[in-house]
Amino acid sequence: MSPEAGTGSPIGGTLPRPRSPATRDLGMRASLLFPDREVAERYYLPLIYTACRTCYSELEPQEIFDRATSGRVTTDKQQDLIRRVIESGHGSTIEHIVFTFAISGVTRTLSHQLVRHRAGVAFDQQSQRYLDYKRPSYMVPGTIADAPVEVRERYLAEMDESLAFYGEMLEAGIPGEDARFVMPNATRTNLIMTANLRSLIHMSGLRLCTMAQWEIRRLFQLIRHEIFTVSPFLGSFLAPKCVPLGYCDEDRNRDEHCPIRPHKDNVLAAWAEKRAAAKAKGREVPTL
């Protein structure tokens, strides 16, 4: 890319509405390293079932586990109990199983968001200090890919120039830990993430929401898909938080432009209207 590519005119007018990140090849990957389907089917359901039953049974945990793994307790019965316990909010029972992912090609923008999740999650990330990048790569957001050509070319030129300057500083003897300061947030990175199921459900509730930043939302779409490959039952609990809540509590969705669930304000307004109408007729609307 020539230096002149970065001299385009400023953005004019309104940019087109971006396409869903699910429709784009963003160059990121999330691969489930552990467990495989055999381990998940043989042990994960019985482990959670054992944790659930131990809380309410006189049986020893080992006996509960043996019954589950031997088939004396059917899969349907295990799933029914687990579903009810999860929906009740008894989250400690699903902290006993973990999933480990190899995540690659994501940006530093995403990784800064991801590592804010701490409880029940472990990370190891590619170091920009100890790795001398021969050719660092970066991501092009969809809005920029769809932008006017002069905007797109200026972005590409800026990225190429900053990463080329990184290489020049290394050649000049600047330590990598200092040269990396010029790297943009768009620089790609790799990491390993291990999380228990409770944490994954919580993270997915936030990151699968349509209000979430597009890149991390796409990552959790991939993570959800990976868990579905080994356990569709457990994967089904990874959903935007509005699904189990039954309503949306995001301030930015008060106009309900995301139609998955009605907004909490509208739900409460409808309830108040119903209660007022009932009161006018001399009766009370029952509450829980």
Protein backbone atom coordinates (compact mmCIF):
# COMPACT_ATOMS: atom_id res chain seq x y z
CA MET A 1 0.00 0.00 0.00
CA SER A 2 1.49 3.36 -1.01
CA PRO A 3 1.84 6.22 1.52
CA GLU A 4 -0.58 8.28 -0.58
CA ALA A 5 -3.36 5.80 0.31
CA GLY A 6 -3.74 7.47 3.69
CA THR A 7 -4.58 10.94 2.30
CA GLY A 8 -8.27 10.35 1.59
CA SER A 9 -10.95 12.89 2.47
CA PRO A 10 -12.82 12.77 5.81
CA ILE A 11 -15.90 10.63 6.16
CA GLY A 12 -18.91 12.33 4.65
CA GLY A 13 -22.55 11.43 5.06
CA THR A 14 -23.94 8.45 6.95
CA LEU A 15 -22.24 5.07 6.79
CA PRO A 16 -24.42 2.10 5.83
CA ARG A 17 -25.79 -0.05 8.65
CA PRO A 18 -23.20 -2.77 9.36
CA ARG A 19 -23.99 -6.36 8.56
CA SER A 20 -24.14 -8.88 11.39
CA PRO A 21 -20.67 -10.17 12.34
CA ALA A 22 -22.13 -13.66 12.03
CA THR A 23 -22.23 -13.14 8.25
CA ARG A 24 -18.55 -12.17 7.97
CA ASP A 25 -15.31 -14.09 7.93
CA LEU A 26 -13.44 -12.15 10.61
CA GLY A 27 -10.45 -14.49 10.68
CA MET A 28 -10.99 -15.45 14.31
CA ARG A 29 -11.28 -19.00 15.65
CA ALA A 30 -12.47 -20.61 18.87
CA SER A 31 -11.74 -24.32 19.13
CA LEU A 32 -12.80 -26.46 22.09
CA LEU A 33 -9.70 -28.32 23.29
CA PHE A 34 -11.36 -30.08 26.22
CA PRO A 35 -13.60 -31.98 26.70
CA ASP A 36 -14.37 -34.01 23.61
CA ARG A 37 -17.87 -35.40 23.02
CA GLU A 38 -17.08 -38.75 24.66
CA VAL A 39 -15.90 -37.16 27.92
CA ALA A 40 -18.78 -34.69 27.97
CA GLU A 41 -21.40 -37.37 27.42
CA ARG A 42 -19.88 -39.87 29.85
CA TYR A 43 -18.91 -37.60 32.75
CA TYR A 44 -20.21 -34.04 32.57
CA LEU A 45 -23.92 -34.69 32.96
CA PRO A 46 -23.36 -37.21 35.81
CA LEU A 47 -20.99 -34.78 37.56
CA ILE A 48 -23.56 -31.99 37.59
CA TYR A 49 -26.33 -34.43 38.51
CA THR A 50 -24.21 -35.72 41.41
CA ALA A 51 -23.66 -32.17 42.67
CA CYS A 52 -27.38 -31.44 42.46
CA ARG A 53 -28.52 -34.67 44.14
CA THR A 54 -25.87 -34.52 46.89
CA CYS A 55 -27.50 -31.35 48.22
CA TYR A 56 -30.84 -33.11 48.76
CA SER A 57 -30.01 -36.80 49.25
CA GLU A 58 -28.87 -39.07 52.06
CA LEU A 59 -26.87 -41.09 49.52
CA GLU A 60 -23.10 -40.65 49.34
CA PRO A 61 -21.87 -38.69 46.30
CA GLN A 62 -19.96 -41.71 44.94
CA GLU A 63 -23.13 -43.80 44.88
CA ILE A 64 -25.07 -41.04 43.15
CA PHE A 65 -22.32 -40.73 40.55
CA ASP A 66 -22.18 -44.52 40.01
CA ARG A 67 -25.93 -44.63 39.45
CA ALA A 68 -25.72 -41.82 36.91
CA THR A 69 -22.77 -43.22 34.95
CA SER A 70 -24.11 -46.80 34.96
CA GLY A 71 -27.43 -45.80 33.44
CA ARG A 72 -29.52 -46.63 36.52
CA VAL A 73 -30.56 -42.97 36.42
CA THR A 74 -31.65 -42.14 32.87
CA THR A 75 -30.24 -39.23 30.92
CA ASP A 76 -33.68 -37.64 30.72
CA LYS A 77 -34.04 -37.75 34.51
CA GLN A 78 -30.58 -36.23 34.98
CA GLN A 79 -31.31 -33.47 32.50
CA ASP A 80 -34.66 -32.68 34.09
CA LEU A 81 -33.11 -32.19 37.53
CA ILE A 82 -30.17 -30.19 36.17
CA ARG A 83 -32.49 -27.92 34.19
CA ARG A 84 -34.64 -27.19 37.23
CA VAL A 85 -31.63 -26.53 39.45
CA ILE A 86 -29.99 -24.18 36.94
CA GLU A 87 -33.25 -22.28 36.41
CA SER A 88 -33.59 -21.92 40.18
CA GLY A 89 -30.24 -20.11 40.29
CA HIS A 90 -28.32 -22.82 42.20
CA GLY A 91 -25.16 -22.05 40.25
CA SER A 92 -22.52 -23.82 42.33
CA THR A 93 -23.65 -27.17 40.92
CA ILE A 94 -22.35 -26.27 37.45
CA GLU A 95 -18.97 -25.00 38.60
CA HIS A 96 -17.64 -28.59 38.69
CA ILE A 97 -17.18 -28.86 34.93
CA VAL A 98 -14.88 -26.78 32.75
CA PHE A 99 -14.32 -26.09 29.06
CA THR A 100 -10.96 -25.11 27.57
CA PHE A 101 -10.80 -23.11 24.33
CA ALA A 102 -8.01 -22.18 21.93
CA ILE A 103 -8.88 -18.67 20.74
CA SER A 104 -6.94 -17.17 17.84
CA GLY A 105 -7.10 -14.21 15.51
CA VAL A 106 -9.00 -11.94 17.89
CA THR A 107 -7.94 -8.35 18.49
CA ARG A 108 -6.42 -6.72 21.54
CA THR A 109 -9.68 -4.77 21.73
CA LEU A 110 -11.52 -8.05 22.34
CA SER A 111 -8.95 -9.51 24.72
CA HIS A 112 -9.11 -6.42 26.95
CA GLN A 113 -12.85 -7.02 27.28
CA LEU A 114 -12.55 -10.78 27.71
CA VAL A 115 -10.04 -10.78 30.57
CA ARG A 116 -12.34 -8.58 32.65
CA HIS A 117 -14.21 -11.79 33.42
CA ARG A 118 -12.37 -13.18 36.42
CA ALA A 119 -14.50 -15.51 38.54
CA GLY A 120 -14.24 -19.12 37.36
CA VAL A 121 -12.09 -18.24 34.33
CA ALA A 122 -8.38 -18.68 33.54
CA PHE A 123 -6.46 -17.06 30.68
CA ASP A 124 -3.03 -17.33 29.11
CA GLN A 125 -2.39 -14.87 26.29
CA GLN A 126 0.23 -14.40 23.60
CA SER A 127 2.82 -11.94 24.91
CA GLN A 128 3.64 -8.79 22.97
CA ARG A 129 6.70 -8.36 25.17
CA TYR A 130 8.51 -11.63 24.56
CA LEU A 131 7.41 -12.31 20.99
CA ASP A 132 9.12 -10.56 18.09
CA TYR A 133 6.40 -10.31 15.46
CA LYS A 134 7.74 -10.94 11.97
CA ARG A 135 4.50 -9.66 10.45
CA PRO A 136 1.79 -8.65 12.91
CA SER A 137 -1.72 -8.91 11.50
CA TYR A 138 -4.77 -6.84 12.26
CA MET A 139 -8.55 -6.94 11.84
CA VAL A 140 -10.64 -4.73 9.57
CA PRO A 141 -14.03 -3.96 11.20
CA GLY A 142 -17.05 -4.49 8.97
CA THR A 143 -18.06 -0.84 9.05
CA ILE A 144 -14.62 0.10 7.71
CA ALA A 145 -14.68 -2.67 5.10
CA ASP A 146 -18.01 -1.27 3.88
CA ALA A 147 -16.96 2.39 4.16
CA PRO A 148 -16.08 4.64 1.18
CA VAL A 149 -12.89 3.50 -0.50
CA GLU A 150 -10.84 6.49 0.69
CA VAL A 151 -11.72 5.72 4.33
CA ARG A 152 -10.95 2.04 3.97
CA GLU A 153 -7.61 2.70 2.24
CA ARG A 154 -6.61 5.24 4.85
CA TYR A 155 -7.32 2.73 7.63
CA LEU A 156 -5.24 0.04 5.89
CA ALA A 157 -2.40 2.49 5.35
CA GLU A 158 -2.41 3.53 8.99
CA MET A 159 -2.31 -0.10 10.14
CA ASP A 160 0.46 -1.05 7.73
CA GLU A 161 2.52 2.00 8.67
CA SER A 162 2.29 1.44 12.43
CA LEU A 163 3.18 -2.24 12.15
CA ALA A 164 6.01 -1.50 9.72
CA PHE A 165 7.38 1.07 12.15
CA TYR A 166 7.29 -1.63 14.86
CA GLY A 167 9.64 -3.73 12.74
CA GLU A 168 11.92 -0.76 12.07
CA MET A 169 12.23 -0.08 15.80
CA LEU A 170 13.23 -3.70 16.46
CA GLU A 171 15.91 -3.43 13.77
CA ALA A 172 17.13 -0.23 15.41
CA GLY A 173 17.64 -2.08 18.67
CA ILE A 174 14.51 -0.89 20.48
CA PRO A 175 13.37 -3.63 22.90
CA GLY A 176 10.21 -5.43 21.83
CA GLU A 177 8.50 -4.42 25.09
CA ASP A 178 8.87 -0.77 24.01
CA ALA A 179 8.36 -1.20 20.26
CA ARG A 180 4.96 -2.78 20.92
CA PHE A 181 3.66 0.59 22.14
CA VAL A 182 3.01 1.52 18.51
CA MET A 183 0.76 -1.50 17.90
CA PRO A 184 -2.93 -0.59 17.38
CA ASN A 185 -5.88 -2.14 19.18
CA ALA A 186 -6.70 -3.91 15.90
CA THR A 187 -3.60 -6.13 16.27
CA ARG A 188 -4.56 -9.80 16.45
CA THR A 189 -3.68 -12.02 19.39
CA ASN A 190 -4.09 -15.63 20.56
CA LEU A 191 -5.03 -17.03 23.96
CA ILE A 192 -6.18 -20.04 25.93
CA MET A 193 -9.31 -19.74 28.06
CA THR A 194 -10.68 -22.24 30.57
CA ALA A 195 -14.02 -21.53 32.21
CA ASN A 196 -16.53 -23.46 34.27
CA LEU A 197 -20.08 -23.73 32.99
CA ARG A 198 -21.50 -21.20 35.43
CA SER A 199 -19.05 -18.56 34.23
CA LEU A 200 -19.69 -19.40 30.58
CA ILE A 201 -23.44 -18.98 31.06
CA HIS A 202 -22.86 -15.61 32.75
CA MET A 203 -20.39 -14.45 30.09
CA SER A 204 -22.66 -15.60 27.27
CA GLY A 205 -25.61 -13.79 28.81
CA LEU A 206 -23.71 -10.52 28.50
CA ARG A 207 -21.75 -11.12 25.31
CA LEU A 208 -24.45 -12.75 23.15
CA CYS A 209 -26.69 -9.74 23.77
CA THR A 210 -27.22 -7.64 20.64
CA MET A 211 -25.98 -4.64 22.64
CA ALA A 212 -22.55 -6.27 23.06
CA GLN A 213 -19.58 -5.17 20.94
CA TRP A 214 -19.72 -7.06 17.63
CA GLU A 215 -16.36 -8.86 17.84
CA ILE A 216 -16.81 -10.38 21.29
CA ARG A 217 -20.40 -11.24 20.39
CA ARG A 218 -19.11 -13.22 17.43
CA LEU A 219 -16.56 -14.97 19.65
CA PHE A 220 -19.29 -16.22 21.97
CA GLN A 221 -21.35 -17.38 19.02
CA LEU A 222 -18.36 -19.57 18.12
CA ILE A 223 -17.93 -20.71 21.73
CA ARG A 224 -21.60 -21.63 21.97
CA HIS A 225 -21.32 -23.62 18.73
CA GLU A 226 -18.30 -25.51 20.07
CA ILE A 227 -20.10 -26.55 23.25
CA PHE A 228 -23.10 -27.64 21.21
CA THR A 229 -20.85 -30.06 19.31
CA VAL A 230 -20.07 -31.98 22.53
CA SER A 231 -23.29 -31.37 24.51
CA PRO A 232 -26.36 -29.75 22.93
CA PHE A 233 -28.09 -29.89 26.32
CA LEU A 234 -25.41 -27.86 28.10
CA GLY A 235 -24.95 -25.59 25.10
CA SER A 236 -28.62 -24.65 25.25
CA PHE A 237 -27.99 -22.69 28.47
CA LEU A 238 -25.66 -20.28 26.67
CA ALA A 239 -28.00 -17.51 25.56
CA PRO A 240 -28.47 -13.74 25.83
CA LYS A 241 -29.42 -12.86 29.40
CA CYS A 242 -32.88 -11.68 28.30
CA VAL A 243 -33.84 -15.27 27.44
CA PRO A 244 -33.84 -16.65 31.01
CA LEU A 245 -34.95 -13.29 32.44
CA GLY A 246 -37.92 -13.01 30.11
CA TYR A 247 -37.28 -9.31 29.52
CA CYS A 248 -34.53 -6.93 28.39
CA ASP A 249 -32.87 -4.70 30.98
CA GLU A 250 -30.54 -2.81 28.63
CA ASP A 251 -30.95 0.98 28.76
CA ARG A 252 -30.05 1.28 25.08
CA ASN A 253 -32.95 -0.96 24.09
CA ARG A 254 -35.77 1.06 25.62
CA ASP A 255 -37.13 1.55 22.11
CA GLU A 256 -37.09 -2.27 21.67
CA HIS A 257 -35.18 -2.15 18.39
CA CYS A 258 -33.93 -5.59 19.49
CA PRO A 259 -37.13 -7.67 19.53
CA ILE A 260 -35.89 -10.80 21.34
CA ARG A 261 -37.67 -9.86 24.58
CA PRO A 262 -39.77 -6.83 25.64
CA HIS A 263 -37.96 -4.17 27.65
CA LYS A 264 -38.35 -4.22 31.42
CA ASP A 265 -39.86 -0.71 31.44
CA ASN A 266 -42.63 -1.79 29.08
CA VAL A 267 -43.25 -4.99 31.05
CA LEU A 268 -43.61 -3.02 34.29
CA ALA A 269 -45.82 -0.43 32.57
CA ALA A 270 -48.11 -3.15 31.24
CA TRP A 271 -48.27 -4.71 34.71
CA ALA A 272 -49.10 -1.36 36.33
CA GLU A 273 -51.85 -0.79 33.76
CA LYS A 274 -53.31 -4.23 34.40
CA ARG A 275 -53.17 -3.74 38.15
CA ALA A 276 -54.86 -0.33 37.93
CA ALA A 277 -57.63 -1.75 35.74
CA ALA A 278 -58.20 -4.58 38.21
CA LYS A 279 -58.22 -2.18 41.16
CA ALA A 280 -60.83 -0.02 39.42
CA LYS A 281 -63.05 -3.09 39.29
CA GLY A 282 -62.56 -3.71 43.00
CA ARG A 283 -60.14 -6.64 42.84
CA GLU A 284 -56.41 -7.13 43.30
CA VAL A 285 -54.04 -8.74 40.83
CA PRO A 286 -52.22 -11.57 42.65
CA THR A 287 -48.45 -11.23 42.97
CA LEU A 288 -45.78 -13.78 43.79
